[in-house]
C-alpha cells in the first residue's frame, strides 16, 4: 500500500499544538481593515483552535502530523 499524502493546502494553514489539537489562524484580517475596530483586529491576530465539528475531517488531510 502506498504512503498517504499530506494535503499541502491544509498543512500550510494548520498546525498541531503541544497537546495534539489543531490550531488555525482567523479569517478577515487581509483587507478592508479601516472599518474594523482595534479590538477586533487585535483578536484576529491570535490563532485559535479548530472547531470540534471539523477536527475529524481535517485530521484526515494531515496523516503525517
PDB file of N, CA and C in Angstrom:
ATOM      1  N   UNK A   1       0.843  -1.190   0.000  1.00  0.00           N
ATOM      2  CA  UNK A   1       0.000   0.000   0.000  1.00  0.00           C
ATOM      3  C   UNK A   1       0.887   1.252   0.000  1.00  0.00           C
ATOM      4  N   UNK A   2       0.592   2.224  -0.868  1.00  0.00           N
ATOM      5  CA  UNK A   2       1.446   3.425  -0.924  1.00  0.00           C
ATOM      6  C   UNK A   2       1.253   4.314   0.298  1.00  0.00           C
ATOM      7  N   UNK A   3       2.205   5.206   0.471  1.00  0.00           N
ATOM      8  CA  UNK A   3       2.127   6.162   1.583  1.00  0.00           C
ATOM      9  C   UNK A   3       0.925   7.076   1.390  1.00  0.00           C
ATOM     10  N   UNK A   4       0.371   7.548   2.501  1.00  0.00           N
ATOM     11  CA  UNK A   4      -0.695   8.552   2.416  1.00  0.00           C
ATOM     12  C   UNK A   4      -0.058   9.907   2.207  1.00  0.00           C
ATOM     13  N   UNK A   5      -0.651  10.713   1.364  1.00  0.00           N
ATOM     14  CA  UNK A   5      -0.090  12.034   1.086  1.00  0.00           C
ATOM     15  C   UNK A   5      -0.769  13.085   1.954  1.00  0.00           C
ATOM     16  N   UNK A   6       0.036  14.015   2.438  1.00  0.00           N
ATOM     17  CA  UNK A   6      -0.478  15.153   3.195  1.00  0.00           C
ATOM     18  C   UNK A   6      -1.108  16.141   2.229  1.00  0.00           C
ATOM     19  N   UNK A   7      -2.248  16.687   2.606  1.00  0.00           N
ATOM     20  CA  UNK A   7      -2.893  17.737   1.808  1.00  0.00           C
ATOM     21  C   UNK A   7      -2.107  19.026   2.048  1.00  0.00           C
ATOM     22  N   UNK A   8      -1.380  19.488   1.036  1.00  0.00           N
ATOM     23  CA  UNK A   8      -0.438  20.595   1.232  1.00  0.00           C
ATOM     24  C   UNK A   8      -1.136  21.897   1.606  1.00  0.00           C
ATOM     25  N   UNK A   9      -2.333  22.133   1.068  1.00  0.00           N
ATOM     26  CA  UNK A   9      -3.063  23.344   1.421  1.00  0.00           C
ATOM     27  C   UNK A   9      -3.414  23.362   2.897  1.00  0.00           C
ATOM     28  N   UNK A  10      -3.828  22.224   3.425  1.00  0.00           N
ATOM     29  CA  UNK A  10      -4.172  22.130   4.847  1.00  0.00           C
ATOM     30  C   UNK A  10      -2.914  22.246   5.698  1.00  0.00           C
ATOM     31  N   UNK A  11      -1.809  21.659   5.246  1.00  0.00           N
ATOM     32  CA  UNK A  11      -0.567  21.690   6.012  1.00  0.00           C
ATOM     33  C   UNK A  11      -0.054  23.120   6.178  1.00  0.00           C
ATOM     34  N   UNK A  12      -0.304  23.969   5.189  1.00  0.00           N
ATOM     35  CA  UNK A  12       0.160  25.347   5.256  1.00  0.00           C
ATOM     36  C   UNK A  12      -0.709  26.198   6.175  1.00  0.00           C
ATOM     37  N   UNK A  13      -1.951  25.770   6.405  1.00  0.00           N
ATOM     38  CA  UNK A  13      -2.894  26.575   7.182  1.00  0.00           C
ATOM     39  C   UNK A  13      -3.066  26.120   8.622  1.00  0.00           C
ATOM     40  N   UNK A  14      -2.751  24.859   8.884  1.00  0.00           N
ATOM     41  CA  UNK A  14      -2.988  24.289  10.208  1.00  0.00           C
ATOM     42  C   UNK A  14      -1.694  23.775  10.802  1.00  0.00           C
ATOM     43  N   UNK A  15      -1.637  23.769  12.144  1.00  0.00           N
ATOM     44  CA  UNK A  15      -0.530  23.091  12.804  1.00  0.00           C
ATOM     45  C   UNK A  15      -1.044  22.458  14.081  1.00  0.00           C
ATOM     46  N   UNK A  16      -0.270  21.522  14.609  1.00  0.00           N
ATOM     47  CA  UNK A  16      -0.652  20.846  15.844  1.00  0.00           C
ATOM     48  C   UNK A  16      -0.129  21.632  17.034  1.00  0.00           C
ATOM     49  N   UNK A  17      -0.929  21.695  18.085  1.00  0.00           N
ATOM     50  CA  UNK A  17      -0.458  22.291  19.335  1.00  0.00           C
ATOM     51  C   UNK A  17       0.319  21.222  20.099  1.00  0.00           C
ATOM     52  N   UNK A  18       0.887  21.587  21.218  1.00  0.00           N
ATOM     53  CA  UNK A  18       1.643  20.636  22.015  1.00  0.00           C
ATOM     54  C   UNK A  18       0.808  19.465  22.483  1.00  0.00           C
ATOM     55  N   UNK A  19      -0.482  19.714  22.728  1.00  0.00           N
ATOM     56  CA  UNK A  19      -1.363  18.648  23.212  1.00  0.00           C
ATOM     57  C   UNK A  19      -2.022  17.886  22.071  1.00  0.00           C
ATOM     58  N   UNK A  20      -1.683  18.240  20.809  1.00  0.00           N
ATOM     59  CA  UNK A  20      -2.206  17.494  19.665  1.00  0.00           C
ATOM     60  C   UNK A  20      -3.448  18.088  19.033  1.00  0.00           C
ATOM     61  N   UNK A  21      -3.915  19.224  19.530  1.00  0.00           N
ATOM     62  CA  UNK A  21      -5.090  19.859  18.931  1.00  0.00           C
ATOM     63  C   UNK A  21      -4.670  20.625  17.687  1.00  0.00           C
ATOM     64  N   UNK A  22      -5.625  20.883  16.793  1.00  0.00           N
ATOM     65  CA  UNK A  22      -5.340  21.627  15.568  1.00  0.00           C
ATOM     66  C   UNK A  22      -5.525  23.123  15.806  1.00  0.00           C
ATOM     67  N   UNK A  23      -4.551  23.911  15.357  1.00  0.00           N
ATOM     68  CA  UNK A  23      -4.569  25.353  15.538  1.00  0.00           C
ATOM     69  C   UNK A  23      -4.661  26.017  14.167  1.00  0.00           C
ATOM     70  N   UNK A  24      -5.479  27.054  14.064  1.00  0.00           N
ATOM     71  CA  UNK A  24      -5.651  27.777  12.804  1.00  0.00           C
ATOM     72  C   UNK A  24      -5.602  29.267  13.076  1.00  0.00           C
ATOM     73  N   UNK A  25      -5.398  30.049  12.020  1.00  0.00           N
ATOM     74  CA  UNK A  25      -5.479  31.499  12.148  1.00  0.00           C
ATOM     75  C   UNK A  25      -6.875  31.955  11.755  1.00  0.00           C
ATOM     76  N   UNK A  26      -7.266  33.102  12.244  1.00  0.00           N
ATOM     77  CA  UNK A  26      -8.612  33.602  11.997  1.00  0.00           C
ATOM     78  C   UNK A  26      -8.706  34.287  10.631  1.00  0.00           C
ATOM     79  N   UNK A  27      -9.889  34.287  10.071  1.00  0.00           N
ATOM     80  CA  UNK A  27     -10.129  34.921   8.784  1.00  0.00           C
ATOM     81  C   UNK A  27     -10.409  36.416   8.968  1.00  0.00           C
ATOM     82  N   UNK A  28     -10.526  37.139   7.885  1.00  0.00           N
ATOM     83  CA  UNK A  28     -10.935  38.560   7.844  1.00  0.00           C
ATOM     84  C   UNK A  28      -9.866  39.528   8.313  1.00  0.00           C
ATOM     85  N   UNK A  29      -8.589  39.224   8.103  1.00  0.00           N
ATOM     86  CA  UNK A  29      -7.522  40.130   8.524  1.00  0.00           C
ATOM     87  C   UNK A  29      -6.671  40.562   7.329  1.00  0.00           C
ATOM     88  N   UNK A  30      -7.150  40.376   6.103  1.00  0.00           N
ATOM     89  CA  UNK A  30      -6.294  40.667   4.956  1.00  0.00           C
ATOM     90  C   UNK A  30      -6.555  42.049   4.326  1.00  0.00           C
ATOM     91  N   UNK A  31      -7.791  42.503   4.313  1.00  0.00           N
ATOM     92  CA  UNK A  31      -8.075  43.813   3.714  1.00  0.00           C
ATOM     93  C   UNK A  31      -9.370  44.360   4.284  1.00  0.00           C
ATOM     94  N   UNK A  32      -9.711  45.599   3.879  1.00  0.00           N
ATOM     95  CA  UNK A  32     -10.871  46.331   4.420  1.00  0.00           C
ATOM     96  C   UNK A  32     -10.752  46.410   5.943  1.00  0.00           C
ATOM     97  N   UNK A  33      -9.593  46.894   6.408  1.00  0.00           N
ATOM     98  CA  UNK A  33      -9.338  46.921   7.845  1.00  0.00           C
ATOM     99  C   UNK A  33      -9.751  48.244   8.485  1.00  0.00           C
ATOM    100  N   UNK A  34     -10.035  49.257   7.678  1.00  0.00           N
ATOM    101  CA  UNK A  34     -10.328  50.572   8.249  1.00  0.00           C
ATOM    102  C   UNK A  34     -11.649  50.569   9.011  1.00  0.00           C
ATOM    103  N   UNK A  35     -12.604  49.788   8.561  1.00  0.00           N
ATOM    104  CA  UNK A  35     -13.909  49.787   9.236  1.00  0.00           C
ATOM    105  C   UNK A  35     -13.958  48.842  10.432  1.00  0.00           C
ATOM    106  N   UNK A  36     -12.912  48.040  10.629  1.00  0.00           N
ATOM    107  CA  UNK A  36     -12.876  47.125  11.773  1.00  0.00           C
ATOM    108  C   UNK A  36     -12.176  47.819  12.945  1.00  0.00           C
ATOM    109  N   UNK A  37     -12.765  47.716  14.120  1.00  0.00           N
ATOM    110  CA  UNK A  37     -12.178  48.424  15.256  1.00  0.00           C
ATOM    111  C   UNK A  37     -10.908  47.722  15.760  1.00  0.00           C
ATOM    112  N   UNK A  38     -10.132  48.462  16.556  1.00  0.00           N
ATOM    113  CA  UNK A  38      -8.827  47.976  17.020  1.00  0.00           C
ATOM    114  C   UNK A  38      -8.938  46.650  17.754  1.00  0.00           C
ATOM    115  N   UNK A  39      -9.948  46.580  18.585  1.00  0.00           N
ATOM    116  CA  UNK A  39     -10.126  45.384  19.403  1.00  0.00           C
ATOM    117  C   UNK A  39     -10.331  44.145  18.523  1.00  0.00           C
ATOM    118  N   UNK A  40     -11.137  44.299  17.479  1.00  0.00           N
ATOM    119  CA  UNK A  40     -11.415  43.185  16.574  1.00  0.00           C
ATOM    120  C   UNK A  40     -10.152  42.772  15.821  1.00  0.00           C
ATOM    121  N   UNK A  41      -9.384  43.746  15.336  1.00  0.00           N
ATOM    122  CA  UNK A  41      -8.155  43.441  14.603  1.00  0.00           C
ATOM    123  C   UNK A  41      -7.130  42.775  15.503  1.00  0.00           C
ATOM    124  N   UNK A  42      -7.084  43.191  16.737  1.00  0.00           N
ATOM    125  CA  UNK A  42      -6.165  42.591  17.705  1.00  0.00           C
ATOM    126  C   UNK A  42      -6.537  41.130  17.967  1.00  0.00           C
ATOM    127  N   UNK A  43      -7.834  40.868  18.073  1.00  0.00           N
ATOM    128  CA  UNK A  43      -8.295  39.483  18.265  1.00  0.00           C
ATOM    129  C   UNK A  43      -7.973  38.615  17.056  1.00  0.00           C
ATOM    130  N   UNK A  44      -8.054  39.203  15.857  1.00  0.00           N
ATOM    131  CA  UNK A  44      -7.808  38.443  14.631  1.00  0.00           C
ATOM    132  C   UNK A  44      -6.343  38.037  14.478  1.00  0.00           C
ATOM    133  N   UNK A  45      -5.434  38.707  15.198  1.00  0.00           N
ATOM    134  CA  UNK A  45      -4.020  38.342  15.136  1.00  0.00           C
ATOM    135  C   UNK A  45      -3.757  36.986  15.769  1.00  0.00           C
ATOM    136  N   UNK A  46      -4.533  36.664  16.783  1.00  0.00           N
ATOM    137  CA  UNK A  46      -4.294  35.453  17.562  1.00  0.00           C
ATOM    138  C   UNK A  46      -4.815  34.226  16.842  1.00  0.00           C
ATOM    139  N   UNK A  47      -4.126  33.121  17.035  1.00  0.00           N
ATOM    140  CA  UNK A  47      -4.586  31.843  16.492  1.00  0.00           C
ATOM    141  C   UNK A  47      -5.670  31.280  17.399  1.00  0.00           C
ATOM    142  N   UNK A  48      -6.422  30.323  16.884  1.00  0.00           N
ATOM    143  CA  UNK A  48      -7.477  29.698  17.662  1.00  0.00           C
ATOM    144  C   UNK A  48      -7.552  28.220  17.297  1.00  0.00           C
ATOM    145  N   UNK A  49      -8.295  27.458  18.074  1.00  0.00           N
ATOM    146  CA  UNK A  49      -8.427  26.030  17.818  1.00  0.00           C
ATOM    147  C   UNK A  49      -9.476  25.785  16.733  1.00  0.00           C
ATOM    148  N   UNK A  50      -9.284  24.716  15.994  1.00  0.00           N
ATOM    149  CA  UNK A  50     -10.269  24.290  15.002  1.00  0.00           C
ATOM    150  C   UNK A  50     -11.488  23.766  15.763  1.00  0.00           C
ATOM    151  N   UNK A  51     -12.679  24.042  15.274  1.00  0.00           N
ATOM    152  CA  UNK A  51     -13.889  23.623  15.966  1.00  0.00           C
ATOM    153  C   UNK A  51     -13.998  22.104  15.985  1.00  0.00           C
ATOM    154  N   UNK A  52     -14.649  21.590  17.006  1.00  0.00           N
ATOM    155  CA  UNK A  52     -14.756  20.135  17.210  1.00  0.00           C
ATOM    156  C   UNK A  52     -15.432  19.455  16.021  1.00  0.00           C
ATOM    157  N   UNK A  53     -16.372  20.154  15.369  1.00  0.00           N
ATOM    158  CA  UNK A  53     -17.098  19.572  14.250  1.00  0.00           C
ATOM    159  C   UNK A  53     -16.188  19.313  13.049  1.00  0.00           C
ATOM    160  N   UNK A  54     -15.093  20.078  12.928  1.00  0.00           N
ATOM    161  CA  UNK A  54     -14.221  19.963  11.762  1.00  0.00           C
ATOM    162  C   UNK A  54     -12.963  19.128  12.008  1.00  0.00           C
ATOM    163  N   UNK A  55     -12.679  18.812  13.263  1.00  0.00           N
ATOM    164  CA  UNK A  55     -11.391  18.185  13.594  1.00  0.00           C
ATOM    165  C   UNK A  55     -11.195  16.867  12.855  1.00  0.00           C
ATOM    166  N   UNK A  56     -12.192  15.997  12.862  1.00  0.00           N
ATOM    167  CA  UNK A  56     -12.030  14.670  12.261  1.00  0.00           C
ATOM    168  C   UNK A  56     -11.720  14.777  10.761  1.00  0.00           C
ATOM    169  N   UNK A  57     -12.430  15.672  10.093  1.00  0.00           N
ATOM    170  CA  UNK A  57     -12.246  15.865   8.651  1.00  0.00           C
ATOM    171  C   UNK A  57     -10.852  16.405   8.339  1.00  0.00           C
ATOM    172  N   UNK A  58     -10.377  17.334   9.162  1.00  0.00           N
ATOM    173  CA  UNK A  58      -9.077  17.952   8.898  1.00  0.00           C
ATOM    174  C   UNK A  58      -7.916  17.045   9.296  1.00  0.00           C
ATOM    175  N   UNK A  59      -8.086  16.228  10.315  1.00  0.00           N
ATOM    176  CA  UNK A  59      -7.025  15.293  10.694  1.00  0.00           C
ATOM    177  C   UNK A  59      -6.766  14.295   9.572  1.00  0.00           C
ATOM    178  N   UNK A  60      -7.813  13.976   8.816  1.00  0.00           N
ATOM    179  CA  UNK A  60      -7.669  13.050   7.698  1.00  0.00           C
ATOM    180  C   UNK A  60      -6.778  13.654   6.599  1.00  0.00           C
ATOM    181  N   UNK A  61      -6.753  14.988   6.498  1.00  0.00           N
ATOM    182  CA  UNK A  61      -5.920  15.657   5.490  1.00  0.00           C
ATOM    183  C   UNK A  61      -4.450  15.726   5.911  1.00  0.00           C
ATOM    184  N   UNK A  62      -4.188  15.498   7.213  1.00  0.00           N
ATOM    185  CA  UNK A  62      -2.831  15.634   7.743  1.00  0.00           C
ATOM    186  C   UNK A  62      -2.389  14.325   8.399  1.00  0.00           C
ATOM    187  N   UNK A  63      -2.165  13.280   7.610  1.00  0.00           N
ATOM    188  CA  UNK A  63      -1.857  11.998   8.211  1.00  0.00           C
ATOM    189  C   UNK A  63      -0.507  11.932   8.905  1.00  0.00           C
ATOM    190  N   UNK A  64       0.478  12.681   8.408  1.00  0.00           N
ATOM    191  CA  UNK A  64       1.824  12.574   8.968  1.00  0.00           C
ATOM    192  C   UNK A  64       2.023  13.307  10.273  1.00  0.00           C
ATOM    193  N   UNK A  65       1.135  14.255  10.589  1.00  0.00           N
ATOM    194  CA  UNK A  65       1.374  15.080  11.778  1.00  0.00           C
ATOM    195  C   UNK A  65       0.715  14.512  13.000  1.00  0.00           C
TER     196      UNK A  65
END
